[in-house]
Amino acid sequence: SRRAAERAPRRAAAASPNHPTAGDASGSQKRQAATAAVALDQAAPTEVERDASAEAAEMDSDLNNIEVLSVLSVPVEVETDSEAPLRGPVEEDTESPPVSPSSRPAAPPKPSVPTYVMLPLDTVTLAGKLNHKRALTAGLRALRSVGVTGVMVDVWWGIVERETPGVYDWSAYLELAELVASFGLKLQCVMSFHACGGNVGDCCLVSLPLWVLEVASANPDMLFTDRAGARNCEYLSFAVDELPVLGGRTPIQVYRDFMDSFVEYFGSHLGEDGIINEVSVGMGPAGELRYPAYPQGDARWKFPGIGEFQCYDKSMLSTLEACAEHVGVPEWGTGGPHDAGSYNDWPHDTGFFHPDWGSYRADYGNFFLSWYSGMMVAHGERVAHSANSAFEGLSVKLSAKLPGIHWWHDTTSRAAELTAGYYNSEGHSGYEPVMRMLARNGLSVKFTCVEMRDGEQPEAARCSPERLLEQVFKDAERLGVEVSGENALPRFDSTAHERMLHNAYRGPNMSSLTFLRMGECLFKPDNWMRFVHFTRALSVGPA
């Protein structure tokens, strides 16, 4: 009821150990945490008790377990029926005169935006086992209690098909799906055809499948390559998509076989009414449709460097050469721009991206950038088509994730976007071709940096996450592509929450919002209480 919704914040504030009128905050919090931890320990499954020594060893090294177990003592703003979804305020049922048609609202209120939370990157171990199950169970229980719709998990190619081509181990992910379902939550799965460990926030290492790396060691031109010849092992080069480099199969066939096996194994759990209602199809590094232009894992790049073009493997150069010959200027096909600088340069340090005389504006610049971006979009088309074929006939939403490259966005060249594959400089919309591709294939788009404000970014880097998001929203809306959002960086402060709420309900609502991520920081008492307020605000919409 409306009264309940209005009372809840005051009730939680009064009970919270962090509230200034709550008395001895630290003592109260410790007593509540100890009580919750003891209660959970006593209720632990007998299988855990039988394996007490192994559990104790895991608990010693797992701060997430300690934080999750203790935080469940923090008051939660929900009604007593934890199975009922959170709803917005409802008018009390009182007698009133009939409402005339002219006084009725023109349109019904917008529905609330479903909220998902990303699970830890190491939810499944390299050995194919469900990781920290006790902490995971406590975390899922806490998320369900505040009305979260579901969770998202990376389904790692490098774990499921790790040792041998065509041999898949889905057992840990099935165990996870059943655990998630036991709390009445939904599960979004990311087909993660990339490696983990080279991007912001990567807390674990998951390589490409070992058998793929073995093939790549003999044929390194399967991998993206920069001008200096450095290879990138995070994702296979777009140019080998249709070459039978993987034991007679092409990468696109391998991705399709992986998704076919996933559908076969999880068929009964898939669909709008099933546990798994959405699959995000990985299309590049970090699961995003882009080139690995800013590799952070090996320290080649640091923010806000412009990055480098990744077009120097033999297959990429071969297609560039063919395109240059096709347009009648074969000298354009020998490589990328010679004056594009290096990873950590800024636009004005280079001849190609310079704001006043940059050669990106010249005929050669237009040719190269159109080809470079086109290779990326064509790769996305091939992966999207394979996903559609694999999930044909199932009511599963398919989506693709795009990167939030906001640094240097407020410049004419937008150099960081160009090196990543988005020809988004003046006079060109780097996101429109991608949106058209997604629209053709019926995929929605996931976009990051929804928590960011322009004023929070370093002025010298000419960042504009707000204008970038505005551009993506407009292109998506015009072409009929549904948008969902994610925060790019872990943020647990109210300022970030307010921005995410604003973006979730701007123009057409986002189809969903995914919060980064479940773990130790989320369940710290102050962060948790802010998250509770945030999820309630999302459930009722902005005032």
Protein backbone atom coordinates (compact mmCIF):
# COMPACT_ATOMS: atom_id res chain seq x y z
CA SER A 1 0.00 0.00 0.00
CA ARG A 2 0.99 3.64 -0.29
CA ARG A 3 1.21 3.95 3.49
CA ALA A 4 3.51 0.93 3.63
CA ALA A 5 5.73 2.39 0.93
CA GLU A 6 5.92 5.70 2.79
CA ARG A 7 6.57 4.07 6.16
CA ALA A 8 9.30 1.73 4.92
CA PRO A 9 12.14 4.27 4.54
CA ARG A 10 11.49 5.71 8.02
CA ARG A 11 11.21 2.24 9.53
CA ALA A 12 14.51 1.12 7.94
CA ALA A 13 16.24 4.36 8.90
CA ALA A 14 15.17 4.01 12.51
CA ALA A 15 16.33 0.37 12.64
CA SER A 16 19.57 0.89 10.74
CA PRO A 17 22.71 0.74 12.91
CA ASN A 18 24.15 3.53 10.75
CA HIS A 19 21.33 5.97 11.46
CA PRO A 20 22.44 8.87 13.72
CA THR A 21 19.60 8.23 16.18
CA ALA A 22 20.15 4.51 16.48
CA GLY A 23 22.34 4.62 19.58
CA ASP A 24 25.46 2.46 19.77
CA ALA A 25 25.81 1.75 16.04
CA SER A 26 28.89 -0.44 16.07
CA GLY A 27 27.75 -2.61 18.98
CA SER A 28 24.28 -3.13 17.57
CA GLN A 29 25.63 -3.98 14.15
CA LYS A 30 28.08 -6.54 15.54
CA ARG A 31 25.39 -8.23 17.62
CA GLN A 32 23.03 -8.45 14.62
CA ALA A 33 25.77 -9.76 12.35
CA ALA A 34 26.78 -12.40 14.87
CA THR A 35 23.17 -13.52 15.32
CA ALA A 36 22.63 -13.86 11.57
CA ALA A 37 25.89 -15.73 11.06
CA VAL A 38 25.10 -18.20 13.85
CA ALA A 39 21.58 -18.75 12.54
CA LEU A 40 22.87 -19.45 9.05
CA ASP A 41 25.56 -21.76 10.36
CA GLN A 42 22.99 -23.78 12.31
CA ALA A 43 20.77 -24.03 9.25
CA ALA A 44 23.58 -25.11 6.96
CA PRO A 45 22.91 -28.24 4.87
CA THR A 46 24.16 -31.53 6.24
CA GLU A 47 26.40 -31.99 3.20
CA VAL A 48 28.29 -28.87 4.29
CA GLU A 49 28.63 -30.25 7.81
CA ARG A 50 30.01 -33.51 6.44
CA ASP A 51 32.67 -31.59 4.57
CA ALA A 52 33.45 -29.18 7.40
CA SER A 53 37.20 -29.10 6.89
CA ALA A 54 36.91 -28.13 3.22
CA GLU A 55 34.27 -25.52 4.05
CA ALA A 56 36.45 -24.02 6.77
CA ALA A 57 39.38 -23.72 4.39
CA GLU A 58 37.19 -21.95 1.86
CA MET A 59 35.72 -19.63 4.48
CA ASP A 60 39.18 -18.59 5.65
CA SER A 61 40.09 -17.36 2.16
CA ASP A 62 36.67 -16.06 1.14
CA LEU A 63 35.83 -12.57 2.35
CA ASN A 64 32.68 -12.64 0.24
CA ASN A 65 31.25 -15.38 2.44
CA ILE A 66 31.89 -13.41 5.64
CA GLU A 67 30.40 -10.21 4.23
CA VAL A 68 27.32 -11.90 2.79
CA LEU A 69 26.58 -13.87 5.93
CA SER A 70 26.91 -10.85 8.20
CA VAL A 71 25.01 -8.38 6.06
CA LEU A 72 21.79 -10.35 6.22
CA SER A 73 21.22 -8.76 9.63
CA VAL A 74 20.81 -5.34 7.98
CA PRO A 75 17.16 -4.25 7.88
CA VAL A 76 15.51 -4.60 4.47
CA GLU A 77 12.73 -2.44 3.11
CA VAL A 78 10.24 -5.09 2.05
CA GLU A 79 6.84 -6.31 3.06
CA THR A 80 6.57 -9.55 5.04
CA ASP A 81 5.69 -11.59 1.93
CA SER A 82 9.11 -11.95 0.36
CA GLU A 83 7.70 -13.82 -2.64
CA ALA A 84 5.61 -10.84 -3.77
CA PRO A 85 7.30 -8.51 -6.24
CA LEU A 86 7.80 -4.91 -5.22
CA ARG A 87 5.09 -2.61 -6.53
CA GLY A 88 4.58 1.08 -6.71
CA PRO A 89 2.12 2.96 -4.49
CA VAL A 90 -1.53 1.98 -4.94
CA GLU A 91 -4.47 4.18 -4.01
CA GLU A 92 -6.63 2.91 -1.15
CA ASP A 93 -9.98 1.44 -2.16
CA THR A 94 -12.36 4.21 -1.16
CA GLU A 95 -15.67 5.29 -2.63
CA SER A 96 -15.43 8.09 -5.16
CA PRO A 97 -17.67 9.49 -7.86
CA PRO A 98 -17.30 8.11 -11.40
CA VAL A 99 -14.40 9.62 -13.32
CA SER A 100 -15.31 11.31 -16.58
CA PRO A 101 -13.38 10.23 -19.69
CA SER A 102 -11.88 13.70 -20.09
CA SER A 103 -10.35 13.58 -16.62
CA ARG A 104 -8.70 10.20 -17.07
CA PRO A 105 -4.96 10.07 -17.71
CA ALA A 106 -3.98 10.00 -21.37
CA ALA A 107 -1.80 6.91 -20.96
CA PRO A 108 -1.15 4.26 -18.32
CA PRO A 109 1.92 4.70 -16.10
CA LYS A 110 5.15 3.29 -17.41
CA PRO A 111 6.02 -0.17 -16.09
CA SER A 112 8.89 -0.51 -13.68
CA VAL A 113 12.34 -1.41 -14.98
CA PRO A 114 13.43 -4.98 -14.06
CA THR A 115 16.66 -5.06 -12.05
CA TYR A 116 19.40 -7.66 -12.42
CA VAL A 117 22.69 -8.02 -10.56
CA MET A 118 25.87 -9.38 -12.12
CA LEU A 119 27.34 -12.38 -10.35
CA PRO A 120 31.10 -12.56 -9.65
CA LEU A 121 33.29 -13.32 -12.65
CA ASP A 122 34.57 -16.45 -10.90
CA THR A 123 31.13 -17.87 -10.07
CA VAL A 124 32.28 -21.03 -11.87
CA THR A 125 35.88 -22.16 -11.38
CA LEU A 126 38.33 -23.20 -14.10
CA ALA A 127 37.71 -26.77 -12.97
CA GLY A 128 34.02 -26.36 -13.82
CA LYS A 129 32.71 -26.23 -10.25
CA LEU A 130 30.28 -23.79 -8.67
CA ASN A 131 32.39 -21.44 -6.57
CA HIS A 132 31.65 -20.30 -3.00
CA LYS A 133 28.21 -21.90 -3.06
CA ARG A 134 27.39 -21.04 0.53
CA ALA A 135 28.10 -17.34 0.01
CA LEU A 136 26.29 -17.40 -3.32
CA THR A 137 23.20 -18.88 -1.69
CA ALA A 138 23.17 -16.21 1.01
CA GLY A 139 23.66 -13.49 -1.59
CA LEU A 140 20.81 -14.72 -3.78
CA ARG A 141 18.53 -14.85 -0.75
CA ALA A 142 19.40 -11.24 0.09
CA LEU A 143 18.82 -10.06 -3.50
CA ARG A 144 15.47 -11.81 -3.67
CA SER A 145 14.38 -10.18 -0.41
CA VAL A 146 14.65 -6.70 -1.93
CA GLY A 147 12.75 -7.48 -5.13
CA VAL A 148 15.60 -7.93 -7.61
CA THR A 149 14.34 -9.65 -10.78
CA GLY A 150 17.33 -11.86 -11.37
CA VAL A 151 21.07 -12.19 -11.87
CA MET A 152 23.47 -12.29 -14.80
CA VAL A 153 26.40 -14.67 -15.23
CA ASP A 154 29.25 -15.08 -17.71
CA VAL A 155 29.16 -18.51 -19.34
CA TRP A 156 32.82 -18.85 -20.20
CA TRP A 157 33.82 -20.58 -23.43
CA GLY A 158 37.23 -21.11 -21.83
CA ILE A 159 35.65 -23.15 -19.02
CA VAL A 160 32.84 -25.07 -20.69
CA GLU A 161 34.86 -26.23 -23.74
CA ARG A 162 38.23 -25.88 -22.06
CA GLU A 163 40.24 -28.98 -22.94
CA THR A 164 38.82 -30.62 -26.05
CA PRO A 165 36.91 -29.24 -29.05
CA GLY A 166 33.24 -30.25 -29.00
CA VAL A 167 33.34 -31.54 -25.41
CA TYR A 168 31.23 -29.33 -23.15
CA ASP A 169 30.81 -29.36 -19.38
CA TRP A 170 27.65 -27.44 -18.40
CA SER A 171 27.19 -29.08 -14.99
CA ALA A 172 28.17 -26.08 -12.83
CA TYR A 173 25.96 -23.73 -14.81
CA LEU A 174 23.02 -26.13 -14.51
CA GLU A 175 23.60 -26.25 -10.74
CA LEU A 176 23.63 -22.45 -10.73
CA ALA A 177 20.41 -22.22 -12.75
CA GLU A 178 18.62 -24.51 -10.33
CA LEU A 179 19.94 -22.55 -7.34
CA VAL A 180 18.78 -19.27 -8.87
CA ALA A 181 15.38 -20.79 -9.64
CA SER A 182 14.99 -21.95 -6.04
CA PHE A 183 14.79 -18.28 -5.03
CA GLY A 184 12.30 -17.40 -7.76
CA LEU A 185 14.90 -15.35 -9.66
CA LYS A 186 15.61 -15.15 -13.38
CA LEU A 187 19.01 -15.84 -14.93
CA GLN A 188 20.57 -13.93 -17.81
CA CYS A 189 23.46 -15.77 -19.47
CA VAL A 190 26.33 -14.16 -21.36
CA MET A 191 27.88 -16.30 -24.10
CA SER A 192 31.42 -15.20 -23.18
CA PHE A 193 33.61 -16.07 -26.15
CA HIS A 194 36.35 -13.80 -24.80
CA ALA A 195 39.08 -14.19 -22.19
CA CYS A 196 38.88 -12.62 -18.75
CA GLY A 197 41.72 -10.76 -17.06
CA GLY A 198 42.55 -7.89 -19.38
CA ASN A 199 39.88 -5.32 -18.59
CA VAL A 200 38.86 -2.95 -15.81
CA GLY A 201 37.47 -4.89 -12.86
CA ASP A 202 38.62 -8.33 -14.03
CA CYS A 203 39.37 -10.15 -10.79
CA CYS A 204 40.21 -13.58 -12.20
CA LEU A 205 41.88 -15.17 -15.20
CA VAL A 206 39.91 -17.21 -17.73
CA SER A 207 41.70 -17.76 -21.03
CA LEU A 208 40.26 -18.82 -24.34
CA PRO A 209 39.92 -22.63 -24.46
CA LEU A 210 43.28 -24.32 -24.12
CA TRP A 211 42.84 -26.16 -27.40
CA VAL A 212 42.19 -22.83 -29.16
CA LEU A 213 45.35 -21.32 -27.68
CA GLU A 214 47.28 -24.36 -28.87
CA VAL A 215 46.03 -23.80 -32.42
CA ALA A 216 46.80 -20.07 -32.15
CA SER A 217 50.36 -20.75 -31.04
CA ALA A 218 50.93 -22.42 -34.41
CA ASN A 219 48.89 -19.80 -36.30
CA PRO A 220 49.21 -16.51 -34.37
CA ASP A 221 47.52 -14.58 -37.18
CA MET A 222 44.22 -15.83 -35.75
CA LEU A 223 44.73 -13.17 -33.09
CA PHE A 224 44.34 -9.40 -33.24
CA THR A 225 47.68 -7.70 -33.81
CA ASP A 226 48.83 -4.11 -33.36
CA ARG A 227 51.33 -2.15 -35.45
CA ALA A 228 54.28 -3.36 -33.35
CA GLY A 229 53.28 -6.98 -33.91
CA ALA A 230 51.95 -7.60 -30.37
CA ARG A 231 49.23 -10.26 -30.34
CA ASN A 232 46.06 -10.08 -28.26
CA CYS A 233 44.72 -13.35 -26.84
CA GLU A 234 41.42 -11.95 -25.58
CA TYR A 235 39.32 -12.63 -28.69
CA LEU A 236 39.84 -14.13 -32.14
CA SER A 237 40.36 -11.74 -35.06
CA PHE A 238 37.20 -10.76 -36.91
CA ALA A 239 38.98 -11.56 -40.18
CA VAL A 240 39.15 -15.31 -39.47
CA ASP A 241 35.40 -15.64 -38.80
CA GLU A 242 34.86 -17.73 -41.92
CA LEU A 243 38.24 -19.45 -42.21
CA PRO A 244 38.49 -23.12 -41.09
CA VAL A 245 41.30 -22.41 -38.64
CA LEU A 246 39.94 -24.43 -35.69
CA GLY A 247 40.43 -28.04 -36.66
CA GLY A 248 38.47 -27.67 -39.89
CA ARG A 249 35.76 -25.49 -38.33
CA THR A 250 35.46 -21.73 -38.59
CA PRO A 251 35.17 -19.60 -35.42
CA ILE A 252 31.57 -18.81 -36.37
CA GLN A 253 30.81 -22.54 -36.60
CA VAL A 254 32.49 -23.09 -33.22
CA TYR A 255 30.40 -20.31 -31.62
CA ARG A 256 27.27 -21.82 -33.18
CA ASP A 257 28.13 -25.33 -31.94
CA PHE A 258 28.68 -23.93 -28.44
CA MET A 259 25.26 -22.23 -28.47
CA ASP A 260 23.60 -25.32 -29.94
CA SER A 261 24.98 -27.39 -27.08
CA PHE A 262 23.79 -24.77 -24.58
CA VAL A 263 20.26 -24.93 -26.02
CA GLU A 264 20.30 -28.74 -25.99
CA TYR A 265 21.43 -28.87 -22.35
CA PHE A 266 19.26 -26.06 -20.97
CA GLY A 267 16.25 -26.42 -23.28
CA SER A 268 13.69 -26.92 -20.50
CA HIS A 269 15.00 -23.85 -18.64
CA LEU A 270 14.94 -21.48 -21.62
CA GLY A 271 12.19 -19.05 -22.48
CA GLU A 272 10.22 -16.08 -21.24
CA ASP A 273 8.56 -18.26 -18.61
CA GLY A 274 11.68 -20.28 -17.84
CA ILE A 275 14.66 -19.59 -15.63
CA ILE A 276 16.85 -18.26 -18.45
CA ASN A 277 14.92 -15.48 -20.14
CA GLU A 278 17.75 -13.63 -21.89
CA VAL A 279 21.04 -14.51 -23.54
CA SER A 280 23.62 -11.82 -24.24
CA VAL A 281 25.81 -12.91 -27.14
CA GLY A 282 29.47 -11.98 -26.76
CA MET A 283 30.92 -10.34 -29.88
CA GLY A 284 34.35 -9.12 -28.80
CA PRO A 285 36.65 -8.24 -25.89
CA ALA A 286 34.83 -7.98 -22.54
CA GLY A 287 31.81 -9.42 -24.37
CA GLU A 288 31.42 -6.10 -26.24
CA LEU A 289 31.25 -5.52 -29.98
CA ARG A 290 34.60 -3.75 -30.46
CA TYR A 291 38.27 -4.24 -31.21
CA PRO A 292 40.74 -4.79 -28.31
CA ALA A 293 42.12 -1.29 -28.89
CA TYR A 294 42.83 -0.51 -25.24
CA PRO A 295 44.32 -3.64 -23.60
CA GLN A 296 44.81 -2.89 -19.93
CA GLY A 297 45.77 -6.33 -18.68
CA ASP A 298 49.32 -6.24 -20.04
CA ALA A 299 49.86 -2.55 -19.19
CA ARG A 300 50.10 -1.47 -22.83
CA TRP A 301 47.27 1.01 -22.30
CA LYS A 302 46.05 3.25 -19.51
CA PHE A 303 43.17 5.70 -19.37
CA PRO A 304 42.65 8.06 -21.22
CA GLY A 305 44.93 6.89 -24.04
CA ILE A 306 43.48 6.81 -27.56
CA GLY A 307 44.37 3.15 -28.10
CA GLU A 308 45.67 1.59 -31.31
CA PHE A 309 44.16 0.10 -34.45
CA GLN A 310 44.16 -3.72 -34.36
CA CYS A 311 44.47 -4.54 -38.06
CA TYR A 312 47.91 -6.07 -38.53
CA ASP A 313 47.25 -9.81 -38.53
CA LYS A 314 47.63 -11.34 -42.00
CA SER A 315 43.92 -11.93 -42.50
CA MET A 316 42.96 -8.35 -41.64
CA LEU A 317 45.71 -6.98 -43.91
CA SER A 318 44.58 -9.29 -46.71
CA THR A 319 41.02 -7.93 -46.62
CA LEU A 320 42.32 -4.34 -46.38
CA GLU A 321 44.48 -4.91 -49.44
CA ALA A 322 41.55 -6.36 -51.38
CA CYS A 323 39.34 -3.38 -50.50
CA ALA A 324 42.02 -0.89 -51.51
CA GLU A 325 42.40 -2.59 -54.88
CA HIS A 326 38.63 -2.57 -55.29
CA VAL A 327 38.49 1.22 -54.92
CA GLY A 328 41.46 1.64 -57.26
CA VAL A 329 44.03 2.88 -54.73
CA PRO A 330 46.18 -0.19 -53.90
CA GLU A 331 48.67 1.85 -51.83
CA TRP A 332 45.93 2.32 -49.21
CA GLY A 333 45.98 -1.42 -48.50
CA THR A 334 49.42 -1.76 -46.97
CA GLY A 335 48.43 -1.10 -43.36
CA GLY A 336 46.79 1.26 -40.92
CA PRO A 337 47.51 4.99 -40.64
CA HIS A 338 51.23 5.66 -40.11
CA ASP A 339 50.57 8.74 -37.94
CA ALA A 340 47.90 7.37 -35.58
CA GLY A 341 50.18 7.43 -32.55
CA SER A 342 50.40 4.80 -29.83
CA TYR A 343 48.18 3.46 -27.05
CA ASN A 344 48.70 6.23 -24.53
CA ASP A 345 48.90 9.22 -26.84
CA TRP A 346 46.23 11.90 -26.84
CA PRO A 347 44.55 13.07 -30.08
CA HIS A 348 46.61 16.25 -30.44
CA ASP A 349 49.82 14.17 -30.17
CA THR A 350 49.06 12.55 -33.54
CA GLY A 351 48.72 13.57 -37.15
CA PHE A 352 45.78 11.29 -37.86
CA PHE A 353 43.52 12.37 -34.97
CA HIS A 354 44.67 15.97 -34.53
CA PRO A 355 41.65 18.26 -33.93
CA ASP A 356 42.82 20.88 -36.44
CA TRP A 357 44.53 19.04 -39.31
CA GLY A 358 43.88 15.37 -38.61
CA SER A 359 44.13 13.16 -41.70
CA TYR A 360 41.14 11.13 -40.51
CA ARG A 361 39.16 13.70 -42.53
CA ALA A 362 41.03 12.93 -45.77
CA ASP A 363 39.88 10.45 -48.42
CA TYR A 364 42.30 7.84 -47.12
CA GLY A 365 41.04 8.34 -43.55
CA ASN A 366 37.44 7.86 -44.65
CA PHE A 367 38.36 4.73 -46.62
CA PHE A 368 40.31 3.13 -43.79
CA LEU A 369 37.82 3.96 -41.03
CA SER A 370 34.88 2.75 -43.13
CA TRP A 371 36.65 -0.55 -43.80
CA TYR A 372 37.76 -0.98 -40.18
CA SER A 373 34.30 -0.30 -38.79
CA GLY A 374 32.67 -2.40 -41.51
CA MET A 375 34.75 -5.44 -40.54
CA MET A 376 33.45 -5.14 -36.99
CA VAL A 377 29.80 -4.73 -38.01
CA ALA A 378 30.08 -7.69 -40.39
CA HIS A 379 31.43 -9.80 -37.53
CA GLY A 380 28.50 -8.77 -35.35
CA GLU A 381 26.11 -9.74 -38.14
CA ARG A 382 27.61 -13.21 -38.45
CA VAL A 383 27.51 -13.89 -34.70
CA ALA A 384 23.96 -12.50 -34.40
CA HIS A 385 22.78 -14.70 -37.28
CA SER A 386 24.33 -17.77 -35.62
CA ALA A 387 22.65 -16.92 -32.32
CA ASN A 388 19.29 -16.52 -33.99
CA SER A 389 19.66 -19.91 -35.64
CA ALA A 390 20.71 -21.58 -32.39
CA PHE A 391 17.82 -20.13 -30.35
CA GLU A 392 15.21 -20.30 -33.11
CA GLY A 393 11.73 -21.11 -31.82
CA LEU A 394 12.56 -20.24 -28.20
CA SER A 395 11.09 -17.19 -26.47
CA VAL A 396 14.52 -16.07 -25.28
CA LYS A 397 15.53 -12.45 -25.70
CA LEU A 398 18.87 -12.07 -27.45
CA SER A 399 21.08 -9.04 -26.88
CA ALA A 400 24.52 -7.65 -27.71
CA LYS A 401 26.67 -5.43 -25.53
CA LEU A 402 28.25 -2.23 -26.83
CA PRO A 403 31.13 -0.39 -25.14
CA GLY A 404 30.79 2.97 -23.40
CA ILE A 405 33.89 4.67 -24.82
CA HIS A 406 33.29 8.12 -23.42
CA TRP A 407 36.83 9.55 -23.28
CA TRP A 408 37.67 11.96 -26.12
CA HIS A 409 33.99 11.85 -27.10
CA ASP A 410 33.84 15.64 -26.75
CA THR A 411 36.39 16.14 -29.56
CA THR A 412 36.02 16.21 -33.33
CA SER A 413 37.84 12.95 -34.09
CA ARG A 414 36.68 10.90 -31.08
CA ALA A 415 39.89 8.94 -31.40
CA ALA A 416 39.24 6.28 -28.74
CA GLU A 417 36.00 5.31 -30.44
CA LEU A 418 37.71 5.13 -33.85
CA THR A 419 40.45 2.73 -32.70
CA ALA A 420 37.77 0.54 -31.09
CA GLY A 421 35.84 0.32 -34.37
CA TYR A 422 33.18 3.04 -34.08
CA TYR A 423 33.48 5.54 -36.93
CA ASN A 424 31.84 8.24 -34.87
CA SER A 425 33.78 11.36 -35.80
CA GLU A 426 32.14 14.50 -37.18
CA GLY A 427 29.67 13.75 -39.98
CA HIS A 428 29.49 10.04 -39.13
CA SER A 429 27.35 8.05 -36.70
CA GLY A 430 29.40 5.15 -35.47
CA TYR A 431 26.45 3.52 -33.73
CA GLU A 432 23.80 3.70 -36.46
CA PRO A 433 25.28 0.88 -38.60
CA VAL A 434 25.49 -1.29 -35.49
CA MET A 435 21.88 -0.53 -34.54
CA ARG A 436 20.72 -1.35 -38.07
CA MET A 437 22.53 -4.69 -37.85
CA LEU A 438 20.95 -5.48 -34.48
CA ALA A 439 17.51 -4.45 -35.75
CA ARG A 440 17.85 -6.75 -38.78
CA ASN A 441 18.61 -9.66 -36.47
CA GLY A 442 16.10 -8.83 -33.73
CA LEU A 443 18.69 -8.27 -30.98
CA SER A 444 18.41 -5.69 -28.24
CA VAL A 445 21.39 -3.67 -27.06
CA LYS A 446 23.08 -3.52 -23.67
CA PHE A 447 24.97 -0.30 -23.02
CA THR A 448 27.32 0.65 -20.22
CA CYS A 449 28.30 3.85 -18.38
CA VAL A 450 24.69 4.59 -17.33
CA GLU A 451 25.99 5.62 -13.88
CA MET A 452 28.38 8.30 -15.18
CA ARG A 453 28.08 12.07 -15.32
CA ASP A 454 30.20 14.37 -17.45
CA GLY A 455 31.22 16.45 -14.44
CA GLU A 456 32.77 13.46 -12.68
CA GLN A 457 35.32 12.84 -15.44
CA PRO A 458 38.78 14.43 -15.83
CA GLU A 459 38.36 17.61 -17.83
CA ALA A 460 41.54 17.09 -19.86
CA ALA A 461 40.23 13.79 -21.29
CA ARG A 462 37.21 15.55 -22.85
CA CYS A 463 34.86 12.81 -21.64
CA SER A 464 31.12 12.91 -22.23
CA PRO A 465 29.31 9.76 -21.12
CA GLU A 466 26.05 11.73 -21.04
CA ARG A 467 26.19 12.81 -24.68
CA LEU A 468 27.39 9.36 -25.73
CA LEU A 469 24.43 7.73 -24.00
CA GLU A 470 22.08 10.27 -25.57
CA GLN A 471 23.39 9.41 -29.03
CA VAL A 472 23.00 5.67 -28.46
CA PHE A 473 19.47 6.10 -27.12
CA LYS A 474 18.41 8.21 -30.11
CA ASP A 475 19.86 5.82 -32.70
CA ALA A 476 18.30 2.83 -30.95
CA GLU A 477 14.88 4.45 -30.60
CA ARG A 478 14.83 5.60 -34.22
CA LEU A 479 15.67 2.11 -35.47
CA GLY A 480 13.42 0.25 -33.04
CA VAL A 481 16.15 -1.42 -30.97
CA GLU A 482 15.39 -2.06 -27.32
CA VAL A 483 17.99 -0.76 -24.85
CA SER A 484 19.04 -2.06 -21.45
CA GLY A 485 21.75 -0.56 -19.26
CA GLU A 486 24.67 -1.49 -17.05
CA ASN A 487 27.05 0.50 -14.91
CA ALA A 488 30.58 0.39 -16.33
CA LEU A 489 32.38 0.58 -12.98
CA PRO A 490 31.43 -0.67 -9.50
CA ARG A 491 29.58 2.20 -7.83
CA PHE A 492 27.70 1.98 -4.54
CA ASP A 493 27.04 5.66 -3.86
CA SER A 494 23.71 7.47 -4.07
CA THR A 495 24.98 9.82 -6.79
CA ALA A 496 25.55 6.90 -9.15
CA HIS A 497 22.22 5.34 -8.18
CA GLU A 498 20.39 8.56 -8.95
CA ARG A 499 21.99 8.75 -12.38
CA MET A 500 21.13 5.14 -13.15
CA LEU A 501 17.53 5.74 -12.09
CA HIS A 502 17.34 8.82 -14.32
CA ASN A 503 18.71 6.95 -17.33
CA ALA A 504 16.51 3.91 -16.74
CA TYR A 505 13.36 5.99 -17.20
CA ARG A 506 14.49 8.52 -19.79
CA GLY A 507 12.43 8.61 -23.01
CA PRO A 508 11.35 5.03 -23.58
CA ASN A 509 12.14 2.99 -20.50
CA MET A 510 15.16 0.74 -20.52
CA SER A 511 14.06 -2.87 -20.87
CA SER A 512 16.16 -3.73 -17.80
CA LEU A 513 19.03 -2.46 -15.67
CA THR A 514 21.94 -4.63 -14.57
CA PHE A 515 23.95 -3.66 -11.50
CA LEU A 516 27.69 -4.34 -11.24
CA ARG A 517 28.17 -6.55 -9.15
CA MET A 518 27.34 -8.97 -6.30
CA GLY A 519 30.24 -9.34 -3.88
CA GLU A 520 31.92 -8.11 -0.75
CA CYS A 521 31.47 -4.40 -1.45
CA LEU A 522 27.75 -4.60 -2.24
CA PHE A 523 27.00 -6.30 1.08
CA LYS A 524 28.82 -3.84 3.31
CA PRO A 525 26.06 -2.35 5.50
CA ASP A 526 26.13 1.21 4.18
CA ASN A 527 26.32 0.10 0.56
CA TRP A 528 23.59 -2.46 1.09
CA MET A 529 21.16 0.04 2.56
CA ARG A 530 21.76 2.40 -0.35
CA PHE A 531 21.19 -0.47 -2.75
CA VAL A 532 17.89 -1.31 -1.00
CA HIS A 533 16.70 2.26 -1.50
CA PHE A 534 17.88 2.12 -5.12
CA THR A 535 15.98 -1.07 -5.95
CA ARG A 536 12.81 0.33 -4.35
CA ALA A 537 13.14 3.53 -6.40
CA LEU A 538 13.56 1.46 -9.57
CA SER A 539 10.44 -0.55 -8.76
CA VAL A 540 8.22 2.54 -8.61
CA GLY A 541 10.00 4.85 -11.07
CA PRO A 542 11.12 8.45 -10.67
CA ALA A 543 8.91 10.87 -8.78
